[in-house]
Amino acid sequence: MSDIIVQKFGGTSVGSVERIDAVAEIIKKTSRDNKVIVVVSAMSGETNRLIDLAKHFSKSPDKREFDALISTGETVSSALLTIALQSKGIQARSYSASQISMKTTSSFSKAKILDVDENKIKDVLDEGIIPIITGFQGITESGDITTLGRGGSDTTAVAIASKINAKRCDIYTDVDGIFTADPKVVPNAKKLDSITMEEMLELASQGAKVMQTRAVEFANKYRVSVKVLSSFNESSGTLISLEEKSMENALVSGIAYQKDQIKYTLHGIGDIPGTAFKILGPISDADIDVDVIVQNVSVDGKTDFTFTVPIDEKPIVDAIIEDIKKDVSFKDVMVDSNIGKVSLVGVGMRSQSGVASKAFKALSENDVNIQIICTSEIKLTMVIDKSLVDKAVQVLHKEFNLEE
């Protein structure tokens, strides 16, 4: 087993010089018994500040220049943290994504990692130096700077951990670990000591903001052990386990929600083979994640086709729907931005029944109407009115006794 630990620190963890100093102490302590690689995000609020600066000049700035701008926040963090470590007598050196050859696709603001030069990182470790690497950034084959999307530093850290064959990847945030629900919505939510990778992937994809979905996918694919910890205290955190939990465990491990969704319904669409692809194909080509998809029973050769996407993708989806009119016939489009999603997740759902009926009963008794239902082996997702999301999460958390 490798003695290397990758530590990633989020924006709130490095949000001030005081916080950077505290993070330096965490790294110093870990480095006594392990080789350490550090990945950092921009200081909290910095990326938003840079975005606002760009939009002062253009509502739709050039994507290449936009990525070049917003990637600078991580460069600042890595240099400051390196200086802090050096002031404590720790050998450290900052590195940008280009310096470690973090190669990505050329999809600006949504780039995907292609490769990392692990030999460069190993050489630095062999010199007894802690590399402080910029998260969120990448570089194309042609040398352009890219970014990986919100939360991309998580993906950077997991990618490096997989390439370097690290013992573990520790994700430091401003919360104590992963909870049964968002503590801001459910104050008595319980911190989980462990959770399966599969459960974490579902929770992340359904709105849990502790880790970026792509980072969890990466960890699952390359079998990287991940732990979520707080940089503000010495909590034991939550281990995202590579091993399956016992099927006798609780039906539901956690609840996630999303309020940043929009629902499209193409009404009176022709029910003929290939129609779904003609709609969703162009949306997929635009790198937009479609989650809930429902097609009604055909009546007289016509049906309704409904799907949900992130609300900030609305301008692109609107343009795509307008464009596909020449190939797909439908009466009209209904758009609903007042929706939210609540998802129950748990590996226990595979072997035990009754989750759906129990959830539906609890919501109906509390006047929460369900618009759409979507299920998988370990997930139950319900589309409801956005204004009722918090209430639904609280009701379901109590119904399944998740605080115990």
Protein backbone atom coordinates (compact mmCIF):
# COMPACT_ATOMS: atom_id res chain seq x y z
CA MET A 1 0.00 0.00 0.00
CA SER A 2 1.28 3.46 -0.93
CA ASP A 3 2.10 5.85 1.91
CA ILE A 4 0.92 8.83 -0.14
CA ILE A 5 -2.15 10.82 0.88
CA VAL A 6 -3.73 13.42 -1.40
CA GLN A 7 -5.34 16.28 0.53
CA LYS A 8 -7.77 18.64 -1.19
CA PHE A 9 -8.81 21.90 0.48
CA GLY A 10 -11.92 23.76 -0.69
CA GLY A 11 -12.54 27.47 -0.95
CA THR A 12 -13.77 28.01 2.60
CA SER A 13 -10.79 26.06 3.94
CA VAL A 14 -8.39 28.57 2.32
CA GLY A 15 -10.75 31.55 2.50
CA SER A 16 -8.43 33.81 4.53
CA VAL A 17 -4.82 34.02 5.65
CA GLU A 18 -5.93 32.62 9.01
CA ARG A 19 -7.58 29.65 7.33
CA ILE A 20 -4.55 29.07 5.10
CA ASP A 21 -2.37 29.02 8.21
CA ALA A 22 -4.68 26.43 9.81
CA VAL A 23 -4.56 24.29 6.65
CA ALA A 24 -0.75 24.48 6.71
CA GLU A 25 -0.84 22.99 10.20
CA ILE A 26 -3.06 20.09 9.00
CA ILE A 27 -0.62 19.36 6.17
CA LYS A 28 2.36 19.61 8.54
CA LYS A 29 0.80 17.07 10.90
CA THR A 30 -0.07 14.61 8.10
CA SER A 31 3.40 14.91 6.56
CA ARG A 32 5.02 13.48 9.71
CA ASP A 33 3.91 9.95 8.80
CA ASN A 34 3.00 10.19 5.10
CA LYS A 35 4.06 11.70 1.85
CA VAL A 36 1.50 14.40 1.02
CA ILE A 37 0.19 15.88 -2.22
CA VAL A 38 -2.06 18.92 -1.82
CA VAL A 39 -4.73 20.24 -4.19
CA VAL A 40 -6.35 23.62 -3.53
CA SER A 41 -9.38 25.56 -4.68
CA ALA A 42 -9.59 29.32 -5.04
CA MET A 43 -10.26 31.32 -1.86
CA SER A 44 -14.01 31.43 -1.16
CA GLY A 45 -15.74 34.10 -3.23
CA GLU A 46 -12.76 34.62 -5.53
CA THR A 47 -14.11 32.72 -8.54
CA ASN A 48 -17.42 34.61 -8.33
CA ARG A 49 -15.48 37.89 -8.16
CA LEU A 50 -13.58 36.98 -11.32
CA ILE A 51 -16.79 35.95 -13.09
CA ASP A 52 -18.37 39.31 -12.23
CA LEU A 53 -15.33 41.12 -13.61
CA ALA A 54 -15.62 39.25 -16.91
CA LYS A 55 -19.36 39.91 -17.18
CA HIS A 56 -18.78 43.62 -16.68
CA PHE A 57 -17.51 43.62 -20.26
CA SER A 58 -19.63 40.86 -21.78
CA LYS A 59 -22.58 38.70 -20.75
CA SER A 60 -21.09 35.90 -22.86
CA PRO A 61 -17.30 36.34 -22.71
CA ASP A 62 -15.04 34.35 -25.00
CA LYS A 63 -14.79 30.87 -23.45
CA ARG A 64 -11.02 30.60 -23.83
CA GLU A 65 -10.37 33.92 -22.14
CA PHE A 66 -13.02 33.24 -19.50
CA ASP A 67 -11.25 30.03 -18.42
CA ALA A 68 -7.87 31.77 -18.47
CA LEU A 69 -9.31 34.35 -16.07
CA ILE A 70 -11.23 32.24 -13.58
CA SER A 71 -8.41 29.68 -13.26
CA THR A 72 -6.18 32.30 -11.61
CA GLY A 73 -7.90 31.98 -8.23
CA GLU A 74 -6.36 28.55 -7.67
CA THR A 75 -2.92 29.87 -8.62
CA VAL A 76 -3.16 32.46 -5.85
CA SER A 77 -4.22 29.85 -3.28
CA SER A 78 -1.44 27.41 -4.15
CA ALA A 79 1.26 30.09 -3.92
CA LEU A 80 -0.06 31.49 -0.62
CA LEU A 81 -0.33 28.04 0.97
CA THR A 82 3.20 27.20 -0.20
CA ILE A 83 4.55 30.37 1.40
CA ALA A 84 2.67 29.53 4.63
CA LEU A 85 4.19 26.04 4.72
CA GLN A 86 7.68 27.36 4.01
CA SER A 87 7.30 29.80 6.91
CA LYS A 88 6.82 26.75 9.17
CA GLY A 89 9.96 25.06 7.92
CA ILE A 90 8.13 22.68 5.57
CA GLN A 91 9.54 22.15 2.08
CA ALA A 92 6.74 22.87 -0.40
CA ARG A 93 6.42 24.10 -3.96
CA SER A 94 3.40 25.33 -5.93
CA TYR A 95 2.47 23.84 -9.30
CA SER A 96 -0.11 24.82 -11.90
CA ALA A 97 -2.03 22.26 -13.93
CA SER A 98 0.21 22.95 -16.92
CA GLN A 99 3.35 22.24 -14.88
CA ILE A 100 2.13 18.72 -14.03
CA SER A 101 0.64 18.23 -17.53
CA MET A 102 -2.99 17.91 -16.41
CA LYS A 103 -4.19 17.32 -19.96
CA THR A 104 -7.89 17.87 -20.69
CA THR A 105 -10.36 18.10 -23.53
CA SER A 106 -10.91 21.52 -25.07
CA SER A 107 -14.47 21.92 -23.72
CA PHE A 108 -13.91 25.21 -21.91
CA SER A 109 -15.57 25.46 -18.48
CA LYS A 110 -16.54 21.76 -18.73
CA ALA A 111 -13.23 20.14 -19.62
CA LYS A 112 -12.65 16.46 -18.88
CA ILE A 113 -9.31 15.13 -17.68
CA LEU A 114 -7.42 12.99 -20.20
CA ASP A 115 -4.12 12.38 -18.42
CA VAL A 116 -1.78 13.54 -15.65
CA ASP A 117 2.02 13.30 -15.62
CA GLU A 118 2.45 11.37 -12.38
CA ASN A 119 6.22 11.13 -12.88
CA LYS A 120 6.60 14.88 -12.37
CA ILE A 121 4.71 14.64 -9.08
CA LYS A 122 6.68 11.58 -7.95
CA ASP A 123 9.97 13.35 -8.68
CA VAL A 124 8.93 16.24 -6.43
CA LEU A 125 7.91 13.85 -3.63
CA ASP A 126 11.24 12.00 -3.94
CA GLU A 127 13.00 15.31 -3.27
CA GLY A 128 11.14 15.53 0.03
CA ILE A 129 8.99 18.42 -1.22
CA ILE A 130 5.20 18.71 -0.81
CA PRO A 131 3.62 19.70 -4.16
CA ILE A 132 0.79 22.25 -3.79
CA ILE A 133 -1.22 21.81 -6.99
CA THR A 134 -3.91 24.05 -8.42
CA GLY A 135 -7.26 22.30 -8.62
CA PHE A 136 -10.01 23.09 -11.16
CA GLN A 137 -7.47 23.81 -13.92
CA GLY A 138 -6.35 21.86 -16.95
CA ILE A 139 -4.48 22.40 -20.18
CA THR A 140 -5.22 21.25 -23.72
CA GLU A 141 -2.76 19.62 -26.10
CA SER A 142 -2.43 23.00 -27.81
CA GLY A 143 -1.61 24.76 -24.54
CA ASP A 144 -4.90 26.51 -23.77
CA ILE A 145 -5.98 26.76 -20.12
CA THR A 146 -9.27 25.02 -19.30
CA THR A 147 -11.41 24.63 -16.20
CA LEU A 148 -13.30 21.56 -15.01
CA GLY A 149 -16.56 23.13 -13.84
CA ARG A 150 -17.78 23.98 -10.34
CA GLY A 151 -16.23 21.68 -7.76
CA GLY A 152 -13.57 20.64 -10.26
CA SER A 153 -10.82 20.65 -7.65
CA ASP A 154 -12.37 17.47 -6.23
CA THR A 155 -11.89 15.81 -9.61
CA THR A 156 -8.31 17.08 -9.84
CA ALA A 157 -7.50 15.54 -6.45
CA VAL A 158 -9.11 12.17 -7.19
CA ALA A 159 -7.46 12.00 -10.63
CA ILE A 160 -4.03 12.60 -9.09
CA ALA A 161 -4.73 10.05 -6.33
CA SER A 162 -5.63 7.43 -8.93
CA LYS A 163 -2.55 8.06 -11.08
CA ILE A 164 -0.18 8.13 -8.11
CA ASN A 165 -1.82 5.08 -6.49
CA ALA A 166 -2.35 7.03 -3.26
CA LYS A 167 -3.45 5.37 -0.03
CA ARG A 168 -6.39 7.76 0.22
CA CYS A 169 -7.78 11.05 -1.04
CA ASP A 170 -8.95 13.36 1.75
CA ILE A 171 -11.47 16.04 0.77
CA TYR A 172 -11.44 18.87 3.32
CA THR A 173 -14.52 21.11 3.48
CA ASP A 174 -16.35 23.31 5.98
CA VAL A 175 -18.61 20.46 7.16
CA ASP A 176 -17.77 17.48 9.39
CA GLY A 177 -18.50 14.87 6.72
CA ILE A 178 -21.47 13.52 4.80
CA PHE A 179 -24.85 13.78 6.53
CA THR A 180 -28.16 11.98 6.11
CA ALA A 181 -29.52 15.29 4.75
CA ASP A 182 -28.45 18.91 4.44
CA PRO A 183 -28.07 20.14 8.07
CA LYS A 184 -29.26 23.58 6.92
CA VAL A 185 -32.63 21.99 6.08
CA VAL A 186 -32.68 19.25 8.72
CA PRO A 187 -30.84 20.49 11.85
CA ASN A 188 -30.80 17.03 13.45
CA ALA A 189 -29.34 15.29 10.38
CA LYS A 190 -26.83 12.61 11.35
CA LYS A 191 -23.22 12.45 10.21
CA LEU A 192 -22.43 9.15 8.53
CA ASP A 193 -19.24 7.32 9.52
CA SER A 194 -19.19 5.62 6.13
CA ILE A 195 -21.15 5.39 2.92
CA THR A 196 -20.73 3.26 -0.19
CA MET A 197 -19.25 4.78 -3.33
CA GLU A 198 -22.45 3.88 -5.18
CA GLU A 199 -24.60 5.71 -2.65
CA MET A 200 -22.31 8.75 -2.72
CA LEU A 201 -22.49 8.86 -6.51
CA GLU A 202 -26.29 8.93 -6.39
CA LEU A 203 -26.36 11.56 -3.64
CA ALA A 204 -23.86 13.78 -5.48
CA SER A 205 -25.71 13.48 -8.78
CA GLN A 206 -29.00 14.37 -7.05
CA GLY A 207 -27.77 17.54 -5.41
CA ALA A 208 -25.59 16.74 -2.38
CA LYS A 209 -22.90 19.41 -2.68
CA VAL A 210 -20.18 17.85 -0.55
CA MET A 211 -18.38 16.41 -3.62
CA GLN A 212 -18.54 17.01 -7.35
CA THR A 213 -20.35 14.17 -9.15
CA ARG A 214 -17.51 13.67 -11.63
CA ALA A 215 -15.03 13.30 -8.77
CA VAL A 216 -17.12 10.48 -7.28
CA GLU A 217 -17.40 8.84 -10.71
CA PHE A 218 -13.62 9.04 -11.04
CA ALA A 219 -13.10 7.55 -7.59
CA ASN A 220 -15.53 4.73 -8.33
CA LYS A 221 -13.99 3.93 -11.71
CA TYR A 222 -10.39 3.90 -10.49
CA ARG A 223 -11.09 2.49 -7.01
CA VAL A 224 -9.81 5.48 -5.04
CA SER A 225 -10.59 5.48 -1.32
CA VAL A 226 -12.00 8.89 -0.34
CA LYS A 227 -12.62 10.52 3.02
CA VAL A 228 -14.59 13.75 3.56
CA LEU A 229 -13.38 15.81 6.53
CA SER A 230 -13.66 19.27 8.04
CA SER A 231 -10.65 21.58 8.01
CA PHE A 232 -12.27 23.54 10.87
CA ASN A 233 -12.15 20.80 13.52
CA GLU A 234 -10.81 17.29 14.14
CA SER A 235 -13.99 15.38 13.25
CA SER A 236 -13.52 11.77 12.15
CA GLY A 237 -15.23 12.60 8.86
CA THR A 238 -16.98 10.16 6.52
CA LEU A 239 -15.25 7.37 4.61
CA ILE A 240 -16.63 6.74 1.13
CA SER A 241 -16.14 3.00 1.10
CA LEU A 242 -15.13 0.89 -1.87
CA GLU A 243 -16.80 -2.09 -0.21
CA GLU A 244 -20.52 -2.81 -0.27
CA LYS A 245 -22.29 -2.45 3.06
CA SER A 246 -24.44 -5.23 4.45
CA MET A 247 -27.80 -5.51 2.74
CA GLU A 248 -29.36 -5.59 6.21
CA ASN A 249 -28.50 -1.93 6.74
CA ALA A 250 -31.10 0.83 6.75
CA LEU A 251 -33.31 1.18 3.70
CA VAL A 252 -32.29 4.81 3.20
CA SER A 253 -28.80 6.18 3.85
CA GLY A 254 -29.43 9.77 2.86
CA ILE A 255 -31.64 12.37 1.18
CA ALA A 256 -30.52 14.82 -1.49
CA TYR A 257 -32.41 17.62 -3.17
CA GLN A 258 -32.12 20.09 -6.04
CA LYS A 259 -33.87 23.42 -6.57
CA ASP A 260 -31.93 24.49 -9.64
CA GLN A 261 -33.89 22.39 -12.13
CA ILE A 262 -36.27 23.15 -14.99
CA LYS A 263 -38.81 20.84 -16.59
CA TYR A 264 -39.60 20.70 -20.31
CA THR A 265 -42.64 18.93 -21.73
CA LEU A 266 -43.03 18.57 -25.50
CA HIS A 267 -46.80 18.16 -25.88
CA GLY A 268 -48.46 16.27 -28.71
CA ILE A 269 -45.26 14.81 -30.10
CA GLY A 270 -45.36 12.10 -32.76
CA ASP A 271 -44.87 8.66 -31.17
CA ILE A 272 -42.46 7.21 -33.76
CA PRO A 273 -39.10 5.44 -33.42
CA GLY A 274 -36.09 7.75 -33.04
CA THR A 275 -38.00 10.71 -31.62
CA ALA A 276 -36.36 10.57 -28.18
CA PHE A 277 -32.91 10.53 -29.78
CA LYS A 278 -33.74 13.51 -31.99
CA ILE A 279 -34.60 15.47 -28.82
CA LEU A 280 -31.98 14.26 -26.37
CA GLY A 281 -29.12 13.68 -28.82
CA PRO A 282 -28.43 17.39 -29.47
CA ILE A 283 -28.81 18.13 -25.73
CA SER A 284 -26.22 15.47 -24.91
CA ASP A 285 -23.92 16.81 -27.63
CA ALA A 286 -24.05 20.17 -25.80
CA ASP A 287 -22.70 18.45 -22.63
CA ILE A 288 -25.97 19.02 -20.75
CA ASP A 289 -27.01 16.44 -18.16
CA VAL A 290 -30.59 15.25 -18.54
CA ASP A 291 -31.90 13.50 -15.44
CA VAL A 292 -35.60 12.64 -15.18
CA ILE A 293 -37.10 11.47 -18.49
CA VAL A 294 -40.78 10.49 -18.89
CA GLN A 295 -42.73 9.56 -22.01
CA ASN A 296 -46.47 9.12 -21.65
CA VAL A 297 -48.60 6.39 -23.20
CA SER A 298 -49.39 7.12 -26.83
CA VAL A 299 -52.95 8.22 -27.74
CA ASP A 300 -53.82 8.40 -31.44
CA GLY A 301 -50.14 8.34 -32.31
CA LYS A 302 -49.32 11.34 -30.09
CA THR A 303 -47.63 11.49 -26.70
CA ASP A 304 -45.95 13.89 -24.26
CA PHE A 305 -42.20 13.81 -23.68
CA THR A 306 -40.88 15.32 -20.42
CA PHE A 307 -37.33 15.81 -19.13
CA THR A 308 -35.46 17.91 -16.57
CA VAL A 309 -32.15 19.78 -16.89
CA PRO A 310 -30.20 22.27 -14.74
CA ILE A 311 -31.90 25.66 -14.93
CA ASP A 312 -28.74 27.50 -16.00
CA GLU A 313 -28.78 25.46 -19.22
CA LYS A 314 -32.15 26.95 -20.24
CA PRO A 315 -30.86 29.29 -23.00
CA ILE A 316 -29.03 26.42 -24.72
CA VAL A 317 -31.95 23.97 -24.38
CA ASP A 318 -34.39 26.61 -25.68
CA ALA A 319 -32.21 27.07 -28.75
CA ILE A 320 -31.94 23.30 -29.30
CA ILE A 321 -35.71 22.80 -29.08
CA GLU A 322 -36.24 25.61 -31.57
CA ASP A 323 -33.70 23.99 -33.89
CA ILE A 324 -35.21 20.48 -33.77
CA LYS A 325 -38.63 21.70 -34.85
CA LYS A 326 -37.67 20.90 -38.43
CA ASP A 327 -37.20 17.23 -37.56
CA VAL A 328 -39.66 16.68 -34.70
CA SER A 329 -43.31 17.67 -34.80
CA PHE A 330 -45.10 18.68 -31.61
CA LYS A 331 -47.98 20.97 -30.64
CA ASP A 332 -46.24 23.12 -28.04
CA VAL A 333 -43.59 23.23 -25.33
CA MET A 334 -44.42 23.65 -21.65
CA VAL A 335 -41.60 24.91 -19.45
CA ASP A 336 -41.77 24.82 -15.65
CA SER A 337 -38.97 26.42 -13.63
CA ASN A 338 -40.83 26.09 -10.31
CA ILE A 339 -39.83 22.50 -9.71
CA GLY A 340 -37.42 20.75 -7.39
CA LYS A 341 -36.28 17.17 -6.89
CA VAL A 342 -36.01 15.13 -3.71
CA SER A 343 -34.15 11.81 -3.80
CA LEU A 344 -33.92 8.95 -1.30
CA VAL A 345 -30.73 6.89 -1.64
CA GLY A 346 -29.74 3.59 -0.04
CA VAL A 347 -28.23 0.24 -1.06
CA GLY A 348 -30.80 -1.45 1.18
CA MET A 349 -33.46 -0.68 -1.44
CA ARG A 350 -32.08 -3.53 -3.55
CA SER A 351 -33.21 -6.25 -1.18
CA GLN A 352 -36.06 -4.64 0.72
CA SER A 353 -39.37 -3.27 -0.53
CA GLY A 354 -41.67 -0.58 0.75
CA VAL A 355 -39.57 2.56 0.36
CA ALA A 356 -41.75 4.07 -2.36
CA SER A 357 -45.11 3.42 -0.67
CA LYS A 358 -43.78 4.71 2.65
CA ALA A 359 -42.43 7.88 1.03
CA PHE A 360 -45.59 8.52 -1.00
CA LYS A 361 -47.81 8.07 2.07
CA ALA A 362 -45.72 10.46 4.18
CA LEU A 363 -45.72 13.15 1.50
CA SER A 364 -49.44 12.84 0.77
CA GLU A 365 -50.24 13.21 4.48
CA ASN A 366 -48.25 16.44 4.45
CA ASP A 367 -49.88 17.86 1.30
CA VAL A 368 -46.83 17.44 -0.95
CA ASN A 369 -47.94 16.54 -4.46
CA ILE A 370 -45.59 14.43 -6.60
CA GLN A 371 -45.41 15.39 -10.27
CA ILE A 372 -42.95 12.79 -11.58
CA ILE A 373 -41.40 9.65 -10.08
CA CYS A 374 -38.08 8.17 -11.23
CA THR A 375 -36.43 5.08 -9.71
CA SER A 376 -33.27 3.02 -9.89
CA GLU A 377 -32.03 0.08 -7.81
CA ILE A 378 -30.87 2.30 -4.95
CA LYS A 379 -32.61 5.62 -5.61
CA LEU A 380 -36.12 7.06 -5.58
CA THR A 381 -36.44 10.55 -7.08
CA MET A 382 -39.59 12.66 -6.91
CA VAL A 383 -40.20 15.90 -8.80
CA ILE A 384 -42.29 18.33 -6.75
CA ASP A 385 -43.03 22.03 -6.44
CA LYS A 386 -39.85 23.94 -5.60
CA SER A 387 -41.46 25.71 -2.63
CA LEU A 388 -42.15 22.33 -0.96
CA VAL A 389 -38.64 20.84 -1.26
CA ASP A 390 -37.46 21.72 2.27
CA LYS A 391 -40.71 20.45 3.77
CA ALA A 392 -40.47 17.19 1.80
CA VAL A 393 -36.87 16.59 2.93
CA GLN A 394 -37.84 17.15 6.58
CA VAL A 395 -40.89 14.88 6.33
CA LEU A 396 -38.96 12.05 4.68
CA HIS A 397 -36.01 12.36 7.05
CA LYS A 398 -38.39 11.91 9.99
CA GLU A 399 -40.39 9.15 8.30
CA PHE A 400 -37.30 6.97 7.74
CA ASN A 401 -35.82 7.76 11.18
CA LEU A 402 -32.57 8.96 9.68
CA GLU A 403 -31.66 10.99 12.75
CA GLU A 404 -31.25 7.79 14.79
